[in-house]
Amino acid sequence: MHLNAPYAPRKALTIIREPSSTPDVAALALQALGWVLSDGDRAERFLGLTGLTPDELRAGLGDSSILAAVLEFLANHEADLVNAAFALDISPEALIAAQKELS
């Protein structure tokens, strides 16, 4: 290429990925938990409503019933469900479906 030659942009390559047929519901629940715990008042409400202690929550991160409780908490409060879905870039329906799968 000659240094004084006009710049010719190259065409961008597009990588096509097929969407996952089934999202990893455990990973989604953990992301939702992170969102729940990102706000102190919401975190306290979650612990109060579920009856979990912080230690029980930490110990149960791999337990599907604990993960389902996170998504059930969101499902029972529409504003949190919608805001979490927006923050996680997923539909509220996907969060509900994940909760049902984990239950």
PDB file of N, CA and C in Angstrom:
ATOM      1  N   MET A   1       0.844  -1.164   0.000  1.00  0.00           N
ATOM      2  CA  MET A   1       0.000   0.000   0.000  1.00  0.00           C
ATOM      3  C   MET A   1       0.896   1.235   0.000  1.00  0.00           C
ATOM      4  N   HIS A   2       0.608   2.134  -0.833  1.00  0.00           N
ATOM      5  CA  HIS A   2       1.368   3.366  -0.939  1.00  0.00           C
ATOM      6  C   HIS A   2       0.941   4.295   0.184  1.00  0.00           C
ATOM      7  N   LEU A   3       1.883   5.005   0.820  1.00  0.00           N
ATOM      8  CA  LEU A   3       1.570   5.849   1.963  1.00  0.00           C
ATOM      9  C   LEU A   3       0.634   6.992   1.631  1.00  0.00           C
ATOM     10  N   ASN A   4       0.667   7.468   0.404  1.00  0.00           N
ATOM     11  CA  ASN A   4      -0.204   8.580   0.035  1.00  0.00           C
ATOM     12  C   ASN A   4      -1.505   8.110  -0.608  1.00  0.00           C
ATOM     13  N   ALA A   5      -1.703   6.836  -0.673  1.00  0.00           N
ATOM     14  CA  ALA A   5      -2.929   6.314  -1.280  1.00  0.00           C
ATOM     15  C   ALA A   5      -4.109   6.604  -0.359  1.00  0.00           C
ATOM     16  N   PRO A   6      -5.263   6.883  -0.944  1.00  0.00           N
ATOM     17  CA  PRO A   6      -6.438   7.139  -0.097  1.00  0.00           C
ATOM     18  C   PRO A   6      -6.787   5.888   0.713  1.00  0.00           C
ATOM     19  N   TYR A   7      -7.276   6.149   1.905  1.00  0.00           N
ATOM     20  CA  TYR A   7      -7.655   5.049   2.809  1.00  0.00           C
ATOM     21  C   TYR A   7      -8.896   4.362   2.265  1.00  0.00           C
ATOM     22  N   ALA A   8      -8.795   3.085   2.126  1.00  0.00           N
ATOM     23  CA  ALA A   8      -9.938   2.297   1.661  1.00  0.00           C
ATOM     24  C   ALA A   8     -10.373   1.392   2.810  1.00  0.00           C
ATOM     25  N   PRO A   9     -11.488   1.723   3.466  1.00  0.00           N
ATOM     26  CA  PRO A   9     -11.925   0.897   4.591  1.00  0.00           C
ATOM     27  C   PRO A   9     -12.257  -0.516   4.127  1.00  0.00           C
ATOM     28  N   ARG A  10     -11.923  -1.445   4.967  1.00  0.00           N
ATOM     29  CA  ARG A  10     -12.242  -2.837   4.677  1.00  0.00           C
ATOM     30  C   ARG A  10     -13.640  -3.137   5.172  1.00  0.00           C
ATOM     31  N   LYS A  11     -14.260  -4.077   4.528  1.00  0.00           N
ATOM     32  CA  LYS A  11     -15.590  -4.478   4.959  1.00  0.00           C
ATOM     33  C   LYS A  11     -15.473  -5.215   6.285  1.00  0.00           C
ATOM     34  N   ALA A  12     -16.395  -4.933   7.162  1.00  0.00           N
ATOM     35  CA  ALA A  12     -16.406  -5.601   8.463  1.00  0.00           C
ATOM     36  C   ALA A  12     -16.950  -7.012   8.301  1.00  0.00           C
ATOM     37  N   LEU A  13     -16.374  -7.897   9.044  1.00  0.00           N
ATOM     38  CA  LEU A  13     -16.866  -9.271   9.055  1.00  0.00           C
ATOM     39  C   LEU A  13     -17.932  -9.414  10.124  1.00  0.00           C
ATOM     40  N   THR A  14     -18.934 -10.159   9.835  1.00  0.00           N
ATOM     41  CA  THR A  14     -19.993 -10.417  10.800  1.00  0.00           C
ATOM     42  C   THR A  14     -19.916 -11.870  11.219  1.00  0.00           C
ATOM     43  N   ILE A  15     -19.865 -12.062  12.512  1.00  0.00           N
ATOM     44  CA  ILE A  15     -19.858 -13.421  13.045  1.00  0.00           C
ATOM     45  C   ILE A  15     -21.293 -13.763  13.406  1.00  0.00           C
ATOM     46  N   ILE A  16     -21.777 -14.796  12.806  1.00  0.00           N
ATOM     47  CA  ILE A  16     -23.153 -15.207  13.051  1.00  0.00           C
ATOM     48  C   ILE A  16     -23.144 -16.343  14.064  1.00  0.00           C
ATOM     49  N   ARG A  17     -23.847 -16.102  15.142  1.00  0.00           N
ATOM     50  CA  ARG A  17     -23.976 -17.131  16.161  1.00  0.00           C
ATOM     51  C   ARG A  17     -25.432 -17.521  16.254  1.00  0.00           C
ATOM     52  N   GLU A  18     -25.652 -18.795  16.360  1.00  0.00           N
ATOM     53  CA  GLU A  18     -27.022 -19.237  16.548  1.00  0.00           C
ATOM     54  C   GLU A  18     -27.378 -19.029  18.006  1.00  0.00           C
ATOM     55  N   PRO A  19     -28.579 -18.493  18.263  1.00  0.00           N
ATOM     56  CA  PRO A  19     -28.956 -18.283  19.654  1.00  0.00           C
ATOM     57  C   PRO A  19     -29.059 -19.615  20.383  1.00  0.00           C
ATOM     58  N   SER A  20     -28.683 -19.565  21.630  1.00  0.00           N
ATOM     59  CA  SER A  20     -28.771 -20.766  22.451  1.00  0.00           C
ATOM     60  C   SER A  20     -30.229 -21.151  22.594  1.00  0.00           C
ATOM     61  N   SER A  21     -30.533 -22.408  22.392  1.00  0.00           N
ATOM     62  CA  SER A  21     -31.924 -22.841  22.468  1.00  0.00           C
ATOM     63  C   SER A  21     -32.429 -22.804  23.904  1.00  0.00           C
ATOM     64  N   THR A  22     -31.574 -23.107  24.851  1.00  0.00           N
ATOM     65  CA  THR A  22     -31.973 -23.051  26.245  1.00  0.00           C
ATOM     66  C   THR A  22     -30.914 -22.276  27.026  1.00  0.00           C
ATOM     67  N   PRO A  23     -31.321 -21.148  27.601  1.00  0.00           N
ATOM     68  CA  PRO A  23     -30.341 -20.398  28.377  1.00  0.00           C
ATOM     69  C   PRO A  23     -29.962 -21.182  29.621  1.00  0.00           C
ATOM     70  N   ASP A  24     -28.781 -20.942  30.118  1.00  0.00           N
ATOM     71  CA  ASP A  24     -28.323 -21.576  31.347  1.00  0.00           C
ATOM     72  C   ASP A  24     -29.073 -20.911  32.497  1.00  0.00           C
ATOM     73  N   VAL A  25     -30.096 -21.595  33.003  1.00  0.00           N
ATOM     74  CA  VAL A  25     -30.971 -21.001  34.003  1.00  0.00           C
ATOM     75  C   VAL A  25     -30.243 -20.727  35.313  1.00  0.00           C
ATOM     76  N   ALA A  26     -29.281 -21.560  35.672  1.00  0.00           N
ATOM     77  CA  ALA A  26     -28.524 -21.324  36.902  1.00  0.00           C
ATOM     78  C   ALA A  26     -27.695 -20.046  36.770  1.00  0.00           C
ATOM     79  N   ALA A  27     -27.045 -19.881  35.632  1.00  0.00           N
ATOM     80  CA  ALA A  27     -26.253 -18.672  35.409  1.00  0.00           C
ATOM     81  C   ALA A  27     -27.153 -17.437  35.397  1.00  0.00           C
ATOM     82  N   LEU A  28     -28.314 -17.560  34.788  1.00  0.00           N
ATOM     83  CA  LEU A  28     -29.264 -16.454  34.751  1.00  0.00           C
ATOM     84  C   LEU A  28     -29.720 -16.098  36.167  1.00  0.00           C
ATOM     85  N   ALA A  29     -30.009 -17.100  36.981  1.00  0.00           N
ATOM     86  CA  ALA A  29     -30.426 -16.857  38.361  1.00  0.00           C
ATOM     87  C   ALA A  29     -29.311 -16.189  39.160  1.00  0.00           C
ATOM     88  N   LEU A  30     -28.070 -16.589  38.927  1.00  0.00           N
ATOM     89  CA  LEU A  30     -26.948 -15.958  39.621  1.00  0.00           C
ATOM     90  C   LEU A  30     -26.783 -14.503  39.196  1.00  0.00           C
ATOM     91  N   GLN A  31     -26.997 -14.228  37.924  1.00  0.00           N
ATOM     92  CA  GLN A  31     -26.950 -12.841  37.453  1.00  0.00           C
ATOM     93  C   GLN A  31     -28.069 -12.034  38.108  1.00  0.00           C
ATOM     94  N   ALA A  32     -29.250 -12.640  38.195  1.00  0.00           N
ATOM     95  CA  ALA A  32     -30.383 -11.972  38.836  1.00  0.00           C
ATOM     96  C   ALA A  32     -30.086 -11.723  40.311  1.00  0.00           C
ATOM     97  N   LEU A  33     -29.451 -12.681  40.969  1.00  0.00           N
ATOM     98  CA  LEU A  33     -29.082 -12.498  42.370  1.00  0.00           C
ATOM     99  C   LEU A  33     -28.127 -11.320  42.517  1.00  0.00           C
ATOM    100  N   GLY A  34     -27.163 -11.228  41.626  1.00  0.00           N
ATOM    101  CA  GLY A  34     -26.245 -10.087  41.652  1.00  0.00           C
ATOM    102  C   GLY A  34     -26.993  -8.777  41.548  1.00  0.00           C
ATOM    103  N   TRP A  35     -28.011  -8.754  40.682  1.00  0.00           N
ATOM    104  CA  TRP A  35     -28.821  -7.540  40.528  1.00  0.00           C
ATOM    105  C   TRP A  35     -29.597  -7.267  41.813  1.00  0.00           C
ATOM    106  N   VAL A  36     -30.203  -8.295  42.392  1.00  0.00           N
ATOM    107  CA  VAL A  36     -30.969  -8.129  43.629  1.00  0.00           C
ATOM    108  C   VAL A  36     -30.078  -7.566  44.729  1.00  0.00           C
ATOM    109  N   LEU A  37     -28.882  -8.112  44.854  1.00  0.00           N
ATOM    110  CA  LEU A  37     -27.992  -7.717  45.935  1.00  0.00           C
ATOM    111  C   LEU A  37     -27.283  -6.387  45.691  1.00  0.00           C
ATOM    112  N   SER A  38     -27.419  -5.839  44.501  1.00  0.00           N
ATOM    113  CA  SER A  38     -26.748  -4.576  44.181  1.00  0.00           C
ATOM    114  C   SER A  38     -27.393  -3.369  44.860  1.00  0.00           C
ATOM    115  N   ASP A  39     -28.557  -3.563  45.440  1.00  0.00           N
ATOM    116  CA  ASP A  39     -29.252  -2.492  46.143  1.00  0.00           C
ATOM    117  C   ASP A  39     -29.510  -2.962  47.574  1.00  0.00           C
ATOM    118  N   GLY A  40     -29.032  -2.214  48.558  1.00  0.00           N
ATOM    119  CA  GLY A  40     -29.132  -2.624  49.950  1.00  0.00           C
ATOM    120  C   GLY A  40     -30.558  -2.870  50.424  1.00  0.00           C
ATOM    121  N   ASP A  41     -31.469  -1.959  50.105  1.00  0.00           N
ATOM    122  CA  ASP A  41     -32.861  -2.123  50.535  1.00  0.00           C
ATOM    123  C   ASP A  41     -33.498  -3.351  49.892  1.00  0.00           C
ATOM    124  N   ARG A  42     -33.224  -3.527  48.611  1.00  0.00           N
ATOM    125  CA  ARG A  42     -33.788  -4.683  47.894  1.00  0.00           C
ATOM    126  C   ARG A  42     -33.190  -5.976  48.455  1.00  0.00           C
ATOM    127  N   ALA A  43     -31.905  -5.971  48.754  1.00  0.00           N
ATOM    128  CA  ALA A  43     -31.242  -7.152  49.317  1.00  0.00           C
ATOM    129  C   ALA A  43     -31.858  -7.515  50.671  1.00  0.00           C
ATOM    130  N   GLU A  44     -32.091  -6.506  51.502  1.00  0.00           N
ATOM    131  CA  GLU A  44     -32.723  -6.760  52.802  1.00  0.00           C
ATOM    132  C   GLU A  44     -34.130  -7.318  52.638  1.00  0.00           C
ATOM    133  N   ARG A  45     -34.871  -6.764  51.693  1.00  0.00           N
ATOM    134  CA  ARG A  45     -36.230  -7.262  51.429  1.00  0.00           C
ATOM    135  C   ARG A  45     -36.178  -8.708  50.958  1.00  0.00           C
ATOM    136  N   PHE A  46     -35.221  -9.032  50.080  1.00  0.00           N
ATOM    137  CA  PHE A  46     -35.062 -10.404  49.590  1.00  0.00           C
ATOM    138  C   PHE A  46     -34.784 -11.361  50.749  1.00  0.00           C
ATOM    139  N   LEU A  47     -33.826 -11.008  51.595  1.00  0.00           N
ATOM    140  CA  LEU A  47     -33.482 -11.876  52.717  1.00  0.00           C
ATOM    141  C   LEU A  47     -34.658 -11.997  53.680  1.00  0.00           C
ATOM    142  N   GLY A  48     -35.350 -10.895  53.921  1.00  0.00           N
ATOM    143  CA  GLY A  48     -36.497 -10.926  54.826  1.00  0.00           C
ATOM    144  C   GLY A  48     -37.637 -11.788  54.305  1.00  0.00           C
ATOM    145  N   LEU A  49     -37.924 -11.669  53.027  1.00  0.00           N
ATOM    146  CA  LEU A  49     -39.034 -12.437  52.450  1.00  0.00           C
ATOM    147  C   LEU A  49     -38.706 -13.912  52.264  1.00  0.00           C
ATOM    148  N   THR A  50     -37.457 -14.212  51.974  1.00  0.00           N
ATOM    149  CA  THR A  50     -37.089 -15.615  51.771  1.00  0.00           C
ATOM    150  C   THR A  50     -36.716 -16.306  53.070  1.00  0.00           C
ATOM    151  N   GLY A  51     -36.393 -15.513  54.091  1.00  0.00           N
ATOM    152  CA  GLY A  51     -35.965 -16.099  55.357  1.00  0.00           C
ATOM    153  C   GLY A  51     -34.535 -16.600  55.334  1.00  0.00           C
ATOM    154  N   LEU A  52     -33.815 -16.318  54.273  1.00  0.00           N
ATOM    155  CA  LEU A  52     -32.418 -16.749  54.163  1.00  0.00           C
ATOM    156  C   LEU A  52     -31.508 -15.803  54.932  1.00  0.00           C
ATOM    157  N   THR A  53     -30.451 -16.365  55.483  1.00  0.00           N
ATOM    158  CA  THR A  53     -29.403 -15.539  56.064  1.00  0.00           C
ATOM    159  C   THR A  53     -28.320 -15.372  54.995  1.00  0.00           C
ATOM    160  N   PRO A  54     -27.462 -14.378  55.149  1.00  0.00           N
ATOM    161  CA  PRO A  54     -26.364 -14.242  54.183  1.00  0.00           C
ATOM    162  C   PRO A  54     -25.511 -15.507  54.083  1.00  0.00           C
ATOM    163  N   ASP A  55     -25.264 -16.168  55.211  1.00  0.00           N
ATOM    164  CA  ASP A  55     -24.469 -17.400  55.187  1.00  0.00           C
ATOM    165  C   ASP A  55     -25.184 -18.518  54.426  1.00  0.00           C
ATOM    166  N   GLU A  56     -26.488 -18.648  54.643  1.00  0.00           N
ATOM    167  CA  GLU A  56     -27.258 -19.668  53.922  1.00  0.00           C
ATOM    168  C   GLU A  56     -27.274 -19.372  52.428  1.00  0.00           C
ATOM    169  N   LEU A  57     -27.383 -18.106  52.088  1.00  0.00           N
ATOM    170  CA  LEU A  57     -27.368 -17.710  50.684  1.00  0.00           C
ATOM    171  C   LEU A  57     -26.035 -18.065  50.037  1.00  0.00           C
ATOM    172  N   ARG A  58     -24.939 -17.722  50.703  1.00  0.00           N
ATOM    173  CA  ARG A  58     -23.607 -18.047  50.159  1.00  0.00           C
ATOM    174  C   ARG A  58     -23.443 -19.554  49.998  1.00  0.00           C
ATOM    175  N   ALA A  59     -23.865 -20.308  51.002  1.00  0.00           N
ATOM    176  CA  ALA A  59     -23.703 -21.766  50.966  1.00  0.00           C
ATOM    177  C   ALA A  59     -24.597 -22.411  49.912  1.00  0.00           C
ATOM    178  N   GLY A  60     -25.693 -21.760  49.565  1.00  0.00           N
ATOM    179  CA  GLY A  60     -26.649 -22.364  48.644  1.00  0.00           C
ATOM    180  C   GLY A  60     -26.588 -21.874  47.214  1.00  0.00           C
ATOM    181  N   LEU A  61     -25.509 -21.227  46.829  1.00  0.00           N
ATOM    182  CA  LEU A  61     -25.434 -20.669  45.472  1.00  0.00           C
ATOM    183  C   LEU A  61     -25.529 -21.725  44.379  1.00  0.00           C
ATOM    184  N   GLY A  62     -25.214 -22.966  44.690  1.00  0.00           N
ATOM    185  CA  GLY A  62     -25.335 -24.033  43.702  1.00  0.00           C
ATOM    186  C   GLY A  62     -26.627 -24.821  43.834  1.00  0.00           C
ATOM    187  N   ASP A  63     -27.472 -24.441  44.760  1.00  0.00           N
ATOM    188  CA  ASP A  63     -28.723 -25.148  45.046  1.00  0.00           C
ATOM    189  C   ASP A  63     -29.846 -24.568  44.177  1.00  0.00           C
ATOM    190  N   SER A  64     -30.482 -25.419  43.405  1.00  0.00           N
ATOM    191  CA  SER A  64     -31.526 -24.936  42.491  1.00  0.00           C
ATOM    192  C   SER A  64     -32.700 -24.310  43.241  1.00  0.00           C
ATOM    193  N   SER A  65     -32.992 -24.753  44.456  1.00  0.00           N
ATOM    194  CA  SER A  65     -34.112 -24.158  45.199  1.00  0.00           C
ATOM    195  C   SER A  65     -33.784 -22.730  45.640  1.00  0.00           C
ATOM    196  N   ILE A  66     -32.527 -22.475  45.971  1.00  0.00           N
ATOM    197  CA  ILE A  66     -32.104 -21.117  46.330  1.00  0.00           C
ATOM    198  C   ILE A  66     -32.166 -20.224  45.092  1.00  0.00           C
ATOM    199  N   LEU A  67     -31.670 -20.747  43.980  1.00  0.00           N
ATOM    200  CA  LEU A  67     -31.697 -19.972  42.734  1.00  0.00           C
ATOM    201  C   LEU A  67     -33.133 -19.707  42.283  1.00  0.00           C
ATOM    202  N   ALA A  68     -34.000 -20.689  42.465  1.00  0.00           N
ATOM    203  CA  ALA A  68     -35.416 -20.501  42.121  1.00  0.00           C
ATOM    204  C   ALA A  68     -36.033 -19.431  43.014  1.00  0.00           C
ATOM    205  N   ALA A  69     -35.613 -19.378  44.289  1.00  0.00           N
ATOM    206  CA  ALA A  69     -36.142 -18.378  45.213  1.00  0.00           C
ATOM    207  C   ALA A  69     -35.789 -16.966  44.761  1.00  0.00           C
ATOM    208  N   VAL A  70     -34.607 -16.809  44.184  1.00  0.00           N
ATOM    209  CA  VAL A  70     -34.202 -15.498  43.657  1.00  0.00           C
ATOM    210  C   VAL A  70     -35.165 -15.067  42.554  1.00  0.00           C
ATOM    211  N   LEU A  71     -35.425 -15.973  41.630  1.00  0.00           N
ATOM    212  CA  LEU A  71     -36.293 -15.637  40.501  1.00  0.00           C
ATOM    213  C   LEU A  71     -37.748 -15.506  40.940  1.00  0.00           C
ATOM    214  N   GLU A  72     -38.152 -16.276  41.937  1.00  0.00           N
ATOM    215  CA  GLU A  72     -39.512 -16.151  42.470  1.00  0.00           C
ATOM    216  C   GLU A  72     -39.688 -14.788  43.143  1.00  0.00           C
ATOM    217  N   PHE A  73     -38.655 -14.350  43.850  1.00  0.00           N
ATOM    218  CA  PHE A  73     -38.669 -13.027  44.467  1.00  0.00           C
ATOM    219  C   PHE A  73     -38.936 -11.957  43.405  1.00  0.00           C
ATOM    220  N   LEU A  74     -38.256 -12.063  42.273  1.00  0.00           N
ATOM    221  CA  LEU A  74     -38.468 -11.096  41.191  1.00  0.00           C
ATOM    222  C   LEU A  74     -39.863 -11.238  40.586  1.00  0.00           C
ATOM    223  N   ALA A  75     -40.294 -12.478  40.403  1.00  0.00           N
ATOM    224  CA  ALA A  75     -41.597 -12.729  39.780  1.00  0.00           C
ATOM    225  C   ALA A  75     -42.735 -12.165  40.616  1.00  0.00           C
ATOM    226  N   ASN A  76     -42.533 -12.071  41.910  1.00  0.00           N
ATOM    227  CA  ASN A  76     -43.593 -11.594  42.799  1.00  0.00           C
ATOM    228  C   ASN A  76     -43.633 -10.080  42.950  1.00  0.00           C
ATOM    229  N   HIS A  77     -42.744  -9.387  42.293  1.00  0.00           N
ATOM    230  CA  HIS A  77     -42.739  -7.918  42.337  1.00  0.00           C
ATOM    231  C   HIS A  77     -42.434  -7.418  40.935  1.00  0.00           C
ATOM    232  N   GLU A  78     -43.473  -7.040  40.227  1.00  0.00           N
ATOM    233  CA  GLU A  78     -43.344  -6.725  38.805  1.00  0.00           C
ATOM    234  C   GLU A  78     -42.293  -5.658  38.513  1.00  0.00           C
ATOM    235  N   ALA A  79     -42.223  -4.638  39.336  1.00  0.00           N
ATOM    236  CA  ALA A  79     -41.239  -3.572  39.077  1.00  0.00           C
ATOM    237  C   ALA A  79     -39.818  -4.135  39.120  1.00  0.00           C
ATOM    238  N   ASP A  80     -39.531  -4.977  40.120  1.00  0.00           N
ATOM    239  CA  ASP A  80     -38.204  -5.591  40.186  1.00  0.00           C
ATOM    240  C   ASP A  80     -37.977  -6.526  39.007  1.00  0.00           C
ATOM    241  N   LEU A  81     -38.987  -7.286  38.641  1.00  0.00           N
ATOM    242  CA  LEU A  81     -38.870  -8.216  37.512  1.00  0.00           C
ATOM    243  C   LEU A  81     -38.501  -7.462  36.237  1.00  0.00           C
ATOM    244  N   VAL A  82     -39.223  -6.406  35.963  1.00  0.00           N
ATOM    245  CA  VAL A  82     -38.984  -5.629  34.737  1.00  0.00           C
ATOM    246  C   VAL A  82     -37.613  -4.956  34.782  1.00  0.00           C
ATOM    247  N   ASN A  83     -37.262  -4.375  35.924  1.00  0.00           N
ATOM    248  CA  ASN A  83     -35.965  -3.701  36.033  1.00  0.00           C
ATOM    249  C   ASN A  83     -34.803  -4.682  35.954  1.00  0.00           C
ATOM    250  N   ALA A  84     -34.947  -5.837  36.570  1.00  0.00           N
ATOM    251  CA  ALA A  84     -33.890  -6.855  36.487  1.00  0.00           C
ATOM    252  C   ALA A  84     -33.743  -7.347  35.056  1.00  0.00           C
ATOM    253  N   ALA A  85     -34.859  -7.603  34.403  1.00  0.00           N
ATOM    254  CA  ALA A  85     -34.817  -8.068  33.015  1.00  0.00           C
ATOM    255  C   ALA A  85     -34.109  -7.036  32.135  1.00  0.00           C
ATOM    256  N   PHE A  86     -34.431  -5.776  32.330  1.00  0.00           N
ATOM    257  CA  PHE A  86     -33.791  -4.718  31.554  1.00  0.00           C
ATOM    258  C   PHE A  86     -32.285  -4.703  31.822  1.00  0.00           C
ATOM    259  N   ALA A  87     -31.903  -4.771  33.094  1.00  0.00           N
ATOM    260  CA  ALA A  87     -30.489  -4.728  33.465  1.00  0.00           C
ATOM    261  C   ALA A  87     -29.722  -5.931  32.925  1.00  0.00           C
ATOM    262  N   LEU A  88     -30.389  -7.081  32.860  1.00  0.00           N
ATOM    263  CA  LEU A  88     -29.743  -8.310  32.390  1.00  0.00           C
ATOM    264  C   LEU A  88     -29.901  -8.515  30.887  1.00  0.00           C
ATOM    265  N   ASP A  89     -30.601  -7.586  30.233  1.00  0.00           N
ATOM    266  CA  ASP A  89     -30.831  -7.646  28.786  1.00  0.00           C
ATOM    267  C   ASP A  89     -31.511  -8.961  28.390  1.00  0.00           C
ATOM    268  N   ILE A  90     -32.595  -9.241  29.094  1.00  0.00           N
ATOM    269  CA  ILE A  90     -33.375 -10.449  28.842  1.00  0.00           C
ATOM    270  C   ILE A  90     -34.843 -10.089  29.075  1.00  0.00           C
ATOM    271  N   SER A  91     -35.733 -10.867  28.554  1.00  0.00           N
ATOM    272  CA  SER A  91     -37.144 -10.557  28.742  1.00  0.00           C
ATOM    273  C   SER A  91     -37.614 -11.020  30.125  1.00  0.00           C
ATOM    274  N   PRO A  92     -38.608 -10.332  30.676  1.00  0.00           N
ATOM    275  CA  PRO A  92     -39.182 -10.794  31.941  1.00  0.00           C
ATOM    276  C   PRO A  92     -39.718 -12.224  31.828  1.00  0.00           C
ATOM    277  N   GLU A  93     -40.249 -12.556  30.662  1.00  0.00           N
ATOM    278  CA  GLU A  93     -40.778 -13.910  30.441  1.00  0.00           C
ATOM    279  C   GLU A  93     -39.673 -14.966  30.555  1.00  0.00           C
ATOM    280  N   ALA A  94     -38.475 -14.613  30.118  1.00  0.00           N
ATOM    281  CA  ALA A  94     -37.353 -15.554  30.223  1.00  0.00           C
ATOM    282  C   ALA A  94     -36.986 -15.793  31.682  1.00  0.00           C
ATOM    283  N   LEU A  95     -37.084 -14.753  32.509  1.00  0.00           N
ATOM    284  CA  LEU A  95     -36.809 -14.922  33.934  1.00  0.00           C
ATOM    285  C   LEU A  95     -37.866 -15.821  34.582  1.00  0.00           C
ATOM    286  N   ILE A  96     -39.119 -15.633  34.189  1.00  0.00           N
ATOM    287  CA  ILE A  96     -40.207 -16.463  34.726  1.00  0.00           C
ATOM    288  C   ILE A  96     -40.014 -17.916  34.278  1.00  0.00           C
ATOM    289  N   ALA A  97     -39.661 -18.098  33.024  1.00  0.00           N
ATOM    290  CA  ALA A  97     -39.434 -19.461  32.509  1.00  0.00           C
ATOM    291  C   ALA A  97     -38.282 -20.132  33.248  1.00  0.00           C
ATOM    292  N   ALA A  98     -37.230 -19.381  33.531  1.00  0.00           N
ATOM    293  CA  ALA A  98     -36.097 -19.919  34.267  1.00  0.00           C
ATOM    294  C   ALA A  98     -36.506 -20.316  35.675  1.00  0.00           C
ATOM    295  N   GLN A  99     -37.343 -19.487  36.296  1.00  0.00           N
ATOM    296  CA  GLN A  99     -37.821 -19.796  37.649  1.00  0.00           C
ATOM    297  C   GLN A  99     -38.620 -21.084  37.643  1.00  0.00           C
ATOM    298  N   LYS A 100     -39.469 -21.253  36.656  1.00  0.00           N
ATOM    299  CA  LYS A 100     -40.275 -22.475  36.568  1.00  0.00           C
ATOM    300  C   LYS A 100     -39.393 -23.695  36.340  1.00  0.00           C
ATOM    301  N   GLU A 101     -38.357 -23.532  35.552  1.00  0.00           N
ATOM    302  CA  GLU A 101     -37.455 -24.655  35.287  1.00  0.00           C
ATOM    303  C   GLU A 101     -36.665 -25.050  36.528  1.00  0.00           C
ATOM    304  N   LEU A 102     -36.290 -24.072  37.325  1.00  0.00           N
ATOM    305  CA  LEU A 102     -35.526 -24.357  38.532  1.00  0.00           C
ATOM    306  C   LEU A 102     -36.391 -24.914  39.664  1.00  0.00           C
ATOM    307  N   SER A 103     -37.676 -24.599  39.631  1.00  0.00           N
ATOM    308  CA  SER A 103     -38.577 -25.053  40.722  1.00  0.00           C
ATOM    309  C   SER A 103     -38.879 -26.525  40.659  1.00  0.00           C
TER     310      SER A 103
END
